[in-house]
Amino acid sequence: MIELNTNPAERVGPAFSVDGMLVARQKTQQAIRDISKRILPGMLEEDAVTMAKQVLLDAGLALSWHPTRVRFGSNTTKPMKVNSAPGVVLQENDIFFLDIAPRFKAWEGDAGKTFTVGHNALQERCALDAERLFHEVRGVWGKDKLTGRELYEFAKITAESMGWRLNFDLPGHRISDFPHAAIYKGDLAEYEAYPSPMRWILEIHIIDPENRFGAFFEDMLLDEPYYSK
């Protein structure tokens, strides 16, 4: 059963729990940190994906509703629904990101973050800007009560002002007790209402104008106190 809600796009399932969603978020973000520490130059991307899946399982998390993704170097420009080019090895001065969607008990986690190794100033700035852009978009969400569509229009303009291109193939989505797709499959970037807290994932994927590399950051849309802890 799905709870009654005046907005069908923001309904949740019978097991929905604020505390459960926050625990799933915390465990997912810890897994991001744990996986990133094990990725080193010389590693093959496919081996990193295998390692990441094992880290999730060891943490008691179920591999869930989308593939566990690790993307190195040139693969960081690809849309998530496009497979990575095989055989990419992380270089001494390089960029990579993680995109994981595990489940803890009944609740969905989803997180993504970009990291760099060695020293490449432009890649380092791209990684930082993806997270900075996420928080700028989240800021106007909280302040101006923009619709999902307006949030991504703002993200596009702001990304370009930073010198990057926003990838609209990552348009944000619902999150809930599992599975959110049984409730709503639409994109945040097409949502014509103000997105409520703890119902949506904001995805930011920015790409170098020369298409050499990209950076990714995602998290749940939440009020400021959840980020200032």
C-alpha atoms as a PDB file:
ATOM      1  CA  MET A   1       0.000   0.000   0.000  1.00  0.00           C
ATOM      2  CA  ILE A   2       1.035   3.595  -0.688  1.00  0.00           C
ATOM      3  CA  GLU A   3       0.154   6.392   1.717  1.00  0.00           C
ATOM      4  CA  LEU A   4      -2.407   8.954   0.594  1.00  0.00           C
ATOM      5  CA  ASN A   5      -0.836  12.208  -0.549  1.00  0.00           C
ATOM      6  CA  THR A   6      -2.216  15.204  -2.397  1.00  0.00           C
ATOM      7  CA  ASN A   7       0.718  14.974  -4.787  1.00  0.00           C
ATOM      8  CA  PRO A   8       1.051  11.492  -6.338  1.00  0.00           C
ATOM      9  CA  ALA A   9       4.677  12.166  -7.306  1.00  0.00           C
ATOM     10  CA  GLU A  10       5.653  12.524  -3.642  1.00  0.00           C
ATOM     11  CA  ARG A  11       3.892   9.546  -2.127  1.00  0.00           C
ATOM     12  CA  VAL A  12       5.921   7.033  -0.166  1.00  0.00           C
ATOM     13  CA  GLY A  13       5.521   3.355   0.556  1.00  0.00           C
ATOM     14  CA  PRO A  14       4.275   1.673   3.741  1.00  0.00           C
ATOM     15  CA  ALA A  15       7.770   1.232   5.197  1.00  0.00           C
ATOM     16  CA  PHE A  16       8.820   4.860   4.757  1.00  0.00           C
ATOM     17  CA  SER A  17      10.639   6.249   7.796  1.00  0.00           C
ATOM     18  CA  VAL A  18      12.525   9.507   8.216  1.00  0.00           C
ATOM     19  CA  ASP A  19      14.987   7.832  10.576  1.00  0.00           C
ATOM     20  CA  GLY A  20      15.371   4.891   8.194  1.00  0.00           C
ATOM     21  CA  MET A  21      16.069   7.145   5.215  1.00  0.00           C
ATOM     22  CA  LEU A  22      18.674   9.081   7.188  1.00  0.00           C
ATOM     23  CA  VAL A  23      20.419   5.912   8.340  1.00  0.00           C
ATOM     24  CA  ALA A  24      20.495   4.647   4.748  1.00  0.00           C
ATOM     25  CA  ARG A  25      21.972   7.997   3.654  1.00  0.00           C
ATOM     26  CA  GLN A  26      24.646   7.857   6.365  1.00  0.00           C
ATOM     27  CA  LYS A  27      25.634   4.297   5.488  1.00  0.00           C
ATOM     28  CA  THR A  28      25.725   5.091   1.773  1.00  0.00           C
ATOM     29  CA  GLN A  29      27.968   8.094   2.296  1.00  0.00           C
ATOM     30  CA  GLN A  30      30.264   6.083   4.544  1.00  0.00           C
ATOM     31  CA  ALA A  31      30.525   3.487   1.793  1.00  0.00           C
ATOM     32  CA  ILE A  32      31.521   6.241  -0.651  1.00  0.00           C
ATOM     33  CA  ARG A  33      34.353   7.213   1.683  1.00  0.00           C
ATOM     34  CA  ASP A  34      35.450   3.610   2.203  1.00  0.00           C
ATOM     35  CA  ILE A  35      35.450   2.784  -1.513  1.00  0.00           C
ATOM     36  CA  SER A  36      37.301   5.953  -2.509  1.00  0.00           C
ATOM     37  CA  LYS A  37      40.174   5.172  -0.121  1.00  0.00           C
ATOM     38  CA  ARG A  38      40.813   1.865  -1.905  1.00  0.00           C
ATOM     39  CA  ILE A  39      41.087   3.348  -5.394  1.00  0.00           C
ATOM     40  CA  LEU A  40      44.662   4.032  -6.486  1.00  0.00           C
ATOM     41  CA  PRO A  41      46.488   4.847  -9.721  1.00  0.00           C
ATOM     42  CA  GLY A  42      47.103   1.738 -11.809  1.00  0.00           C
ATOM     43  CA  MET A  43      43.729   0.202 -10.935  1.00  0.00           C
ATOM     44  CA  LEU A  44      41.486  -1.043 -13.732  1.00  0.00           C
ATOM     45  CA  GLU A  45      37.992   0.436 -13.659  1.00  0.00           C
ATOM     46  CA  GLU A  46      36.324  -2.971 -13.828  1.00  0.00           C
ATOM     47  CA  ASP A  47      38.322  -4.111 -10.787  1.00  0.00           C
ATOM     48  CA  ALA A  48      37.240  -0.994  -8.900  1.00  0.00           C
ATOM     49  CA  VAL A  49      33.579  -1.798  -9.597  1.00  0.00           C
ATOM     50  CA  THR A  50      34.039  -5.334  -8.239  1.00  0.00           C
ATOM     51  CA  MET A  51      35.740  -3.949  -5.143  1.00  0.00           C
ATOM     52  CA  ALA A  52      32.992  -1.359  -4.612  1.00  0.00           C
ATOM     53  CA  LYS A  53      30.269  -4.008  -4.715  1.00  0.00           C
ATOM     54  CA  GLN A  54      32.109  -6.046  -2.109  1.00  0.00           C
ATOM     55  CA  VAL A  55      32.506  -3.019   0.172  1.00  0.00           C
ATOM     56  CA  LEU A  56      28.731  -2.491   0.025  1.00  0.00           C
ATOM     57  CA  LEU A  57      28.000  -6.127   0.799  1.00  0.00           C
ATOM     58  CA  ASP A  58      30.517  -6.160   3.655  1.00  0.00           C
ATOM     59  CA  ALA A  59      28.750  -3.118   5.111  1.00  0.00           C
ATOM     60  CA  GLY A  60      25.453  -4.999   5.161  1.00  0.00           C
ATOM     61  CA  LEU A  61      23.990  -3.064   2.244  1.00  0.00           C
ATOM     62  CA  ALA A  62      22.037  -4.677  -0.575  1.00  0.00           C
ATOM     63  CA  LEU A  63      23.058  -3.973  -4.154  1.00  0.00           C
ATOM     64  CA  SER A  64      19.925  -2.225  -5.204  1.00  0.00           C
ATOM     65  CA  TRP A  65      18.056  -0.417  -7.907  1.00  0.00           C
ATOM     66  CA  HIS A  66      20.827   0.738 -10.242  1.00  0.00           C
ATOM     67  CA  PRO A  67      24.291  -0.615 -11.001  1.00  0.00           C
ATOM     68  CA  THR A  68      27.243   0.218  -8.766  1.00  0.00           C
ATOM     69  CA  ARG A  69      29.314   2.607 -10.852  1.00  0.00           C
ATOM     70  CA  VAL A  70      32.949   3.645 -10.696  1.00  0.00           C
ATOM     71  CA  ARG A  71      34.157   5.776 -13.587  1.00  0.00           C
ATOM     72  CA  PHE A  72      37.762   6.662 -14.363  1.00  0.00           C
ATOM     73  CA  GLY A  73      39.222   9.387 -16.586  1.00  0.00           C
ATOM     74  CA  SER A  74      37.524   9.711 -19.967  1.00  0.00           C
ATOM     75  CA  ASN A  75      34.620   7.542 -18.779  1.00  0.00           C
ATOM     76  CA  THR A  76      33.600  10.332 -16.392  1.00  0.00           C
ATOM     77  CA  THR A  77      32.063  12.199 -19.368  1.00  0.00           C
ATOM     78  CA  LYS A  78      29.605   9.437 -20.238  1.00  0.00           C
ATOM     79  CA  PRO A  79      25.915   9.480 -19.289  1.00  0.00           C
ATOM     80  CA  MET A  80      25.156   6.908 -16.609  1.00  0.00           C
ATOM     81  CA  LYS A  81      23.001   4.828 -18.937  1.00  0.00           C
ATOM     82  CA  VAL A  82      25.924   4.498 -21.365  1.00  0.00           C
ATOM     83  CA  ASN A  83      28.401   1.777 -20.503  1.00  0.00           C
ATOM     84  CA  SER A  84      31.971   2.711 -19.731  1.00  0.00           C
ATOM     85  CA  ALA A  85      34.609   2.072 -22.350  1.00  0.00           C
ATOM     86  CA  PRO A  86      36.378  -1.101 -21.146  1.00  0.00           C
ATOM     87  CA  GLY A  87      39.946  -1.315 -19.955  1.00  0.00           C
ATOM     88  CA  VAL A  88      40.379   2.203 -18.571  1.00  0.00           C
ATOM     89  CA  VAL A  89      43.154   2.425 -15.977  1.00  0.00           C
ATOM     90  CA  LEU A  90      43.361   5.234 -13.409  1.00  0.00           C
ATOM     91  CA  GLN A  91      46.425   7.346 -14.160  1.00  0.00           C
ATOM     92  CA  GLU A  92      48.827   9.071 -11.770  1.00  0.00           C
ATOM     93  CA  ASN A  93      47.097  12.430 -12.309  1.00  0.00           C
ATOM     94  CA  ASP A  94      43.467  11.619 -12.899  1.00  0.00           C
ATOM     95  CA  ILE A  95      39.833  11.944 -11.886  1.00  0.00           C
ATOM     96  CA  PHE A  96      37.185   9.397 -10.924  1.00  0.00           C
ATOM     97  CA  PHE A  97      33.713   9.326  -9.455  1.00  0.00           C
ATOM     98  CA  LEU A  98      31.457   6.909  -7.616  1.00  0.00           C
ATOM     99  CA  ASP A  99      27.710   6.479  -8.053  1.00  0.00           C
ATOM    100  CA  ILE A 100      26.100   3.959  -5.711  1.00  0.00           C
ATOM    101  CA  ALA A 101      22.484   3.154  -4.840  1.00  0.00           C
ATOM    102  CA  PRO A 102      22.455   0.507  -2.114  1.00  0.00           C
ATOM    103  CA  ARG A 103      19.537  -0.399   0.102  1.00  0.00           C
ATOM    104  CA  PHE A 104      19.603  -0.649   3.874  1.00  0.00           C
ATOM    105  CA  LYS A 105      16.688  -2.794   5.024  1.00  0.00           C
ATOM    106  CA  ALA A 106      13.578  -1.143   3.504  1.00  0.00           C
ATOM    107  CA  TRP A 107      15.217   2.179   2.633  1.00  0.00           C
ATOM    108  CA  GLU A 108      17.012   3.415  -0.435  1.00  0.00           C
ATOM    109  CA  GLY A 109      20.372   5.113  -0.331  1.00  0.00           C
ATOM    110  CA  ASP A 110      21.867   7.045  -3.232  1.00  0.00           C
ATOM    111  CA  ALA A 111      25.080   9.036  -3.329  1.00  0.00           C
ATOM    112  CA  GLY A 112      27.755  10.126  -5.763  1.00  0.00           C
ATOM    113  CA  LYS A 113      31.006  12.024  -5.401  1.00  0.00           C
ATOM    114  CA  THR A 114      34.102  12.836  -7.461  1.00  0.00           C
ATOM    115  CA  PHE A 115      37.735  12.417  -6.407  1.00  0.00           C
ATOM    116  CA  THR A 116      41.106  13.206  -7.930  1.00  0.00           C
ATOM    117  CA  VAL A 117      44.544  11.623  -7.627  1.00  0.00           C
ATOM    118  CA  GLY A 118      47.876  13.307  -8.207  1.00  0.00           C
ATOM    119  CA  HIS A 119      47.845  16.921  -9.333  1.00  0.00           C
ATOM    120  CA  ASN A 120      45.688  18.267 -12.130  1.00  0.00           C
ATOM    121  CA  ALA A 121      44.354  21.696 -11.223  1.00  0.00           C
ATOM    122  CA  LEU A 122      41.521  21.703 -13.760  1.00  0.00           C
ATOM    123  CA  GLN A 123      40.263  18.282 -12.725  1.00  0.00           C
ATOM    124  CA  GLU A 124      40.506  19.270  -9.072  1.00  0.00           C
ATOM    125  CA  ARG A 125      38.425  22.378  -9.756  1.00  0.00           C
ATOM    126  CA  CYS A 126      35.857  20.334 -11.675  1.00  0.00           C
ATOM    127  CA  ALA A 127      35.454  17.923  -8.762  1.00  0.00           C
ATOM    128  CA  LEU A 128      35.021  20.782  -6.303  1.00  0.00           C
ATOM    129  CA  ASP A 129      32.642  22.653  -8.602  1.00  0.00           C
ATOM    130  CA  ALA A 130      30.297  19.679  -8.958  1.00  0.00           C
ATOM    131  CA  GLU A 131      29.747  19.646  -5.211  1.00  0.00           C
ATOM    132  CA  ARG A 132      29.647  23.438  -5.007  1.00  0.00           C
ATOM    133  CA  LEU A 133      27.025  23.573  -7.749  1.00  0.00           C
ATOM    134  CA  PHE A 134      24.947  20.972  -5.916  1.00  0.00           C
ATOM    135  CA  HIS A 135      24.867  23.205  -2.843  1.00  0.00           C
ATOM    136  CA  GLU A 136      24.137  26.347  -4.854  1.00  0.00           C
ATOM    137  CA  VAL A 137      21.143  24.618  -6.428  1.00  0.00           C
ATOM    138  CA  ARG A 138      20.080  23.274  -3.049  1.00  0.00           C
ATOM    139  CA  GLY A 139      20.376  26.790  -1.657  1.00  0.00           C
ATOM    140  CA  VAL A 140      17.936  28.294  -4.150  1.00  0.00           C
ATOM    141  CA  TRP A 141      15.645  25.301  -3.625  1.00  0.00           C
ATOM    142  CA  GLY A 142      15.398  26.170   0.060  1.00  0.00           C
ATOM    143  CA  LYS A 143      15.306  29.946  -0.362  1.00  0.00           C
ATOM    144  CA  ASP A 144      13.184  30.495  -3.458  1.00  0.00           C
ATOM    145  CA  LYS A 145      11.010  27.348  -3.468  1.00  0.00           C
ATOM    146  CA  LEU A 146      11.758  26.681  -7.137  1.00  0.00           C
ATOM    147  CA  THR A 147      10.218  23.826  -9.101  1.00  0.00           C
ATOM    148  CA  GLY A 148      12.329  20.876 -10.176  1.00  0.00           C
ATOM    149  CA  ARG A 149      12.456  22.225 -13.713  1.00  0.00           C
ATOM    150  CA  GLU A 150      13.563  25.645 -12.467  1.00  0.00           C
ATOM    151  CA  LEU A 151      16.284  24.084 -10.330  1.00  0.00           C
ATOM    152  CA  TYR A 152      17.867  22.462 -13.361  1.00  0.00           C
ATOM    153  CA  GLU A 153      17.535  25.610 -15.436  1.00  0.00           C
ATOM    154  CA  PHE A 154      19.414  27.405 -12.665  1.00  0.00           C
ATOM    155  CA  ALA A 155      21.985  24.582 -12.562  1.00  0.00           C
ATOM    156  CA  LYS A 156      22.597  24.853 -16.311  1.00  0.00           C
ATOM    157  CA  ILE A 157      23.214  28.602 -16.215  1.00  0.00           C
ATOM    158  CA  THR A 158      25.401  28.366 -13.121  1.00  0.00           C
ATOM    159  CA  ALA A 159      27.458  25.478 -14.527  1.00  0.00           C
ATOM    160  CA  GLU A 160      28.161  27.500 -17.667  1.00  0.00           C
ATOM    161  CA  SER A 161      29.214  30.482 -15.558  1.00  0.00           C
ATOM    162  CA  MET A 162      31.742  28.159 -13.881  1.00  0.00           C
ATOM    163  CA  GLY A 163      33.087  27.076 -17.264  1.00  0.00           C
ATOM    164  CA  TRP A 164      31.406  23.667 -17.453  1.00  0.00           C
ATOM    165  CA  ARG A 165      28.568  22.003 -19.334  1.00  0.00           C
ATOM    166  CA  LEU A 166      25.692  20.447 -17.384  1.00  0.00           C
ATOM    167  CA  ASN A 167      24.709  16.935 -18.438  1.00  0.00           C
ATOM    168  CA  PHE A 168      20.910  16.789 -18.603  1.00  0.00           C
ATOM    169  CA  ASP A 169      21.028  12.996 -18.942  1.00  0.00           C
ATOM    170  CA  LEU A 170      21.227  13.006 -15.135  1.00  0.00           C
ATOM    171  CA  PRO A 171      18.019  14.848 -14.263  1.00  0.00           C
ATOM    172  CA  GLY A 172      17.399  13.822 -10.631  1.00  0.00           C
ATOM    173  CA  HIS A 173      14.779  11.391  -9.377  1.00  0.00           C
ATOM    174  CA  ARG A 174      12.599  10.226  -6.496  1.00  0.00           C
ATOM    175  CA  ILE A 175      13.875   8.335  -3.474  1.00  0.00           C
ATOM    176  CA  SER A 176      11.849   6.453  -0.888  1.00  0.00           C
ATOM    177  CA  ASP A 177      11.464   3.158   0.814  1.00  0.00           C
ATOM    178  CA  PHE A 178      12.229   0.542  -1.810  1.00  0.00           C
ATOM    179  CA  PRO A 179      11.244   0.621  -4.609  1.00  0.00           C
ATOM    180  CA  HIS A 180      10.611   4.270  -5.412  1.00  0.00           C
ATOM    181  CA  ALA A 181       9.902   3.352  -9.049  1.00  0.00           C
ATOM    182  CA  ALA A 182       6.645   1.757  -7.931  1.00  0.00           C
ATOM    183  CA  ILE A 183       5.571   5.205  -6.769  1.00  0.00           C
ATOM    184  CA  TYR A 184       6.973   7.615  -9.346  1.00  0.00           C
ATOM    185  CA  LYS A 185       9.407   7.271 -12.244  1.00  0.00           C
ATOM    186  CA  GLY A 186       9.579  10.877 -13.428  1.00  0.00           C
ATOM    187  CA  ASP A 187      12.632  13.128 -13.398  1.00  0.00           C
ATOM    188  CA  LEU A 188      13.264  15.970 -10.975  1.00  0.00           C
ATOM    189  CA  ALA A 189      14.244  18.183 -13.935  1.00  0.00           C
ATOM    190  CA  GLU A 190      10.720  17.815 -15.341  1.00  0.00           C
ATOM    191  CA  TYR A 191       8.875  18.216 -12.044  1.00  0.00           C
ATOM    192  CA  GLU A 192       6.611  21.266 -12.198  1.00  0.00           C
ATOM    193  CA  ALA A 193       6.213  21.750  -8.458  1.00  0.00           C
ATOM    194  CA  TYR A 194       8.372  22.534  -5.439  1.00  0.00           C
ATOM    195  CA  PRO A 195      10.193  19.303  -4.462  1.00  0.00           C
ATOM    196  CA  SER A 196       9.628  18.376  -0.809  1.00  0.00           C
ATOM    197  CA  PRO A 197      12.572  17.457   1.438  1.00  0.00           C
ATOM    198  CA  MET A 198      13.544  13.797   1.732  1.00  0.00           C
ATOM    199  CA  ARG A 199      11.725  12.824  -1.456  1.00  0.00           C
ATOM    200  CA  TRP A 200      14.211  13.638  -4.212  1.00  0.00           C
ATOM    201  CA  ILE A 201      17.800  13.084  -5.297  1.00  0.00           C
ATOM    202  CA  LEU A 202      19.493  16.092  -6.889  1.00  0.00           C
ATOM    203  CA  GLU A 203      22.092  14.936  -9.446  1.00  0.00           C
ATOM    204  CA  ILE A 204      24.810  17.220 -10.770  1.00  0.00           C
ATOM    205  CA  HIS A 205      27.064  16.024 -13.600  1.00  0.00           C
ATOM    206  CA  ILE A 206      29.307  18.659 -15.159  1.00  0.00           C
ATOM    207  CA  ILE A 207      31.606  18.097 -18.116  1.00  0.00           C
ATOM    208  CA  ASP A 208      34.709  19.823 -19.406  1.00  0.00           C
ATOM    209  CA  PRO A 209      33.811  21.848 -22.560  1.00  0.00           C
ATOM    210  CA  GLU A 210      36.414  19.847 -24.492  1.00  0.00           C
ATOM    211  CA  ASN A 211      34.798  16.594 -23.268  1.00  0.00           C
ATOM    212  CA  ARG A 212      38.002  15.329 -21.653  1.00  0.00           C
ATOM    213  CA  PHE A 213      36.564  14.589 -18.190  1.00  0.00           C
ATOM    214  CA  GLY A 214      33.602  15.267 -15.958  1.00  0.00           C
ATOM    215  CA  ALA A 215      32.587  15.359 -12.304  1.00  0.00           C
ATOM    216  CA  PHE A 216      29.516  14.111 -10.478  1.00  0.00           C
ATOM    217  CA  PHE A 217      27.858  14.807  -7.159  1.00  0.00           C
ATOM    218  CA  GLU A 218      24.469  13.741  -5.834  1.00  0.00           C
ATOM    219  CA  ASP A 219      22.611  13.618  -2.557  1.00  0.00           C
ATOM    220  CA  MET A 220      19.120  13.850  -1.149  1.00  0.00           C
ATOM    221  CA  LEU A 221      17.457  17.266  -1.119  1.00  0.00           C
ATOM    222  CA  LEU A 222      17.412  18.158   2.572  1.00  0.00           C
ATOM    223  CA  ASP A 223      17.271  21.292   4.660  1.00  0.00           C
ATOM    224  CA  GLU A 224      20.498  23.040   5.691  1.00  0.00           C
ATOM    225  CA  PRO A 225      20.881  21.514   9.190  1.00  0.00           C
ATOM    226  CA  TYR A 226      21.486  18.080   7.630  1.00  0.00           C
ATOM    227  CA  TYR A 227      24.554  19.466   5.807  1.00  0.00           C
ATOM    228  CA  SER A 228      25.980  21.651   8.552  1.00  0.00           C
ATOM    229  CA  LYS A 229      26.468  18.840  11.049  1.00  0.00           C
END
